Amino acid sequence: MAHALKTSNDFGLTNIANGVVKAVKAVGNAIADFFVSITEAQSRSAELNSMHALSDAELATKFGITRSEITAYVFRDRMF
């Protein structure tokens, strides 16, 4: 037969499907990033609490910091 079958590209369906897949992936990535952020926040909160429970001498000995430097120490990778 001389007629070619129309593919989904002829109707733009493949482009639409690709767009939908990209959108779903973007939403999935955003949700995953959200949960990673929550986990990191909980971890940092626990670290802050445990460091505040230490004495000034323990902070100085174990971490080389004062009480006023705890937050900067816990968030050192986020601060510049």
C-alpha atoms as a PDB file:
ATOM      1  CA  MET A   1       0.000   0.000   0.000  1.00  0.00           C
ATOM      2  CA  ALA A   2       1.365   3.415  -0.936  1.00  0.00           C
ATOM      3  CA  HIS A   3      -0.138   5.325   1.957  1.00  0.00           C
ATOM      4  CA  ALA A   4       1.944   5.817   5.056  1.00  0.00           C
ATOM      5  CA  LEU A   5       0.241   5.388   8.376  1.00  0.00           C
ATOM      6  CA  LYS A   6      -0.018   8.538  10.389  1.00  0.00           C
ATOM      7  CA  THR A   7       2.024   8.417  13.541  1.00  0.00           C
ATOM      8  CA  SER A   8       1.220  10.166  16.766  1.00  0.00           C
ATOM      9  CA  ASN A   9       3.770  12.834  15.753  1.00  0.00           C
ATOM     10  CA  ASP A  10       1.488  13.814  12.890  1.00  0.00           C
ATOM     11  CA  PHE A  11      -1.152  14.784  15.422  1.00  0.00           C
ATOM     12  CA  GLY A  12       1.204  16.321  17.981  1.00  0.00           C
ATOM     13  CA  LEU A  13       0.261  13.677  20.534  1.00  0.00           C
ATOM     14  CA  THR A  14       3.849  12.690  21.199  1.00  0.00           C
ATOM     15  CA  ASN A  15       4.752  16.287  22.016  1.00  0.00           C
ATOM     16  CA  ILE A  16       1.759  16.568  24.319  1.00  0.00           C
ATOM     17  CA  ALA A  17       2.608  13.270  26.011  1.00  0.00           C
ATOM     18  CA  ASN A  18       6.222  14.368  26.450  1.00  0.00           C
ATOM     19  CA  GLY A  19       5.016  17.620  27.972  1.00  0.00           C
ATOM     20  CA  VAL A  20       2.751  15.773  30.376  1.00  0.00           C
ATOM     21  CA  VAL A  21       5.550  13.399  31.373  1.00  0.00           C
ATOM     22  CA  LYS A  22       7.903  16.344  31.992  1.00  0.00           C
ATOM     23  CA  ALA A  23       5.244  18.100  34.071  1.00  0.00           C
ATOM     24  CA  VAL A  24       4.591  14.991  36.166  1.00  0.00           C
ATOM     25  CA  LYS A  25       8.338  14.529  36.696  1.00  0.00           C
ATOM     26  CA  ALA A  26       8.680  18.183  37.739  1.00  0.00           C
ATOM     27  CA  VAL A  27       5.875  17.814  40.271  1.00  0.00           C
ATOM     28  CA  GLY A  28       7.419  14.581  41.563  1.00  0.00           C
ATOM     29  CA  ASN A  29      10.806  16.253  41.922  1.00  0.00           C
ATOM     30  CA  ALA A  30       9.245  19.203  43.751  1.00  0.00           C
ATOM     31  CA  ILE A  31       7.506  16.850  46.187  1.00  0.00           C
ATOM     32  CA  ALA A  32      10.730  14.911  46.751  1.00  0.00           C
ATOM     33  CA  ASP A  33      12.646  18.160  47.352  1.00  0.00           C
ATOM     34  CA  PHE A  34       9.982  19.211  49.858  1.00  0.00           C
ATOM     35  CA  PHE A  35      10.389  16.022  51.863  1.00  0.00           C
ATOM     36  CA  VAL A  36      14.179  16.304  51.758  1.00  0.00           C
ATOM     37  CA  SER A  37      13.861  19.845  53.127  1.00  0.00           C
ATOM     38  CA  ILE A  38      11.619  18.643  55.953  1.00  0.00           C
ATOM     39  CA  THR A  39      14.062  15.870  56.824  1.00  0.00           C
ATOM     40  CA  GLU A  40      16.983  18.300  56.828  1.00  0.00           C
ATOM     41  CA  ALA A  41      15.061  20.758  59.012  1.00  0.00           C
ATOM     42  CA  GLN A  42      14.218  18.036  61.522  1.00  0.00           C
ATOM     43  CA  SER A  43      17.843  16.915  61.596  1.00  0.00           C
ATOM     44  CA  ARG A  44      19.104  20.453  62.157  1.00  0.00           C
ATOM     45  CA  SER A  45      16.499  21.035  64.840  1.00  0.00           C
ATOM     46  CA  ALA A  46      17.637  17.908  66.666  1.00  0.00           C
ATOM     47  CA  GLU A  47      21.264  19.015  66.373  1.00  0.00           C
ATOM     48  CA  LEU A  48      20.408  22.474  67.733  1.00  0.00           C
ATOM     49  CA  ASN A  49      18.535  20.965  70.663  1.00  0.00           C
ATOM     50  CA  SER A  50      21.322  18.560  71.533  1.00  0.00           C
ATOM     51  CA  MET A  51      23.955  21.286  71.363  1.00  0.00           C
ATOM     52  CA  HIS A  52      21.876  23.644  73.526  1.00  0.00           C
ATOM     53  CA  ALA A  53      21.680  20.855  76.110  1.00  0.00           C
ATOM     54  CA  LEU A  54      25.492  20.831  76.433  1.00  0.00           C
ATOM     55  CA  SER A  55      27.345  22.973  78.921  1.00  0.00           C
ATOM     56  CA  ASP A  56      29.503  25.862  77.750  1.00  0.00           C
ATOM     57  CA  ALA A  57      32.604  23.829  78.589  1.00  0.00           C
ATOM     58  CA  GLU A  58      31.365  20.858  76.539  1.00  0.00           C
ATOM     59  CA  LEU A  59      30.606  23.113  73.557  1.00  0.00           C
ATOM     60  CA  ALA A  60      34.101  24.571  73.739  1.00  0.00           C
ATOM     61  CA  THR A  61      35.761  21.167  74.120  1.00  0.00           C
ATOM     62  CA  LYS A  62      33.760  19.168  71.565  1.00  0.00           C
ATOM     63  CA  PHE A  63      33.106  21.814  68.916  1.00  0.00           C
ATOM     64  CA  GLY A  64      35.366  24.752  69.715  1.00  0.00           C
ATOM     65  CA  ILE A  65      32.422  27.164  69.809  1.00  0.00           C
ATOM     66  CA  THR A  66      30.510  29.293  72.290  1.00  0.00           C
ATOM     67  CA  ARG A  67      26.779  29.075  72.923  1.00  0.00           C
ATOM     68  CA  SER A  68      26.126  32.109  70.712  1.00  0.00           C
ATOM     69  CA  GLU A  69      27.787  30.326  67.780  1.00  0.00           C
ATOM     70  CA  ILE A  70      25.595  27.195  67.856  1.00  0.00           C
ATOM     71  CA  THR A  71      23.204  28.302  65.101  1.00  0.00           C
ATOM     72  CA  ALA A  72      26.020  29.381  62.802  1.00  0.00           C
ATOM     73  CA  TYR A  73      27.763  26.057  63.437  1.00  0.00           C
ATOM     74  CA  VAL A  74      24.664  23.969  62.651  1.00  0.00           C
ATOM     75  CA  PHE A  75      23.911  25.960  59.487  1.00  0.00           C
ATOM     76  CA  ARG A  76      27.549  26.435  58.418  1.00  0.00           C
ATOM     77  CA  ASP A  77      26.917  24.733  55.064  1.00  0.00           C
ATOM     78  CA  ARG A  78      24.059  27.144  54.295  1.00  0.00           C
ATOM     79  CA  MET A  79      25.713  30.374  55.400  1.00  0.00           C
ATOM     80  CA  PHE A  80      28.342  32.274  53.490  1.00  0.00           C
END
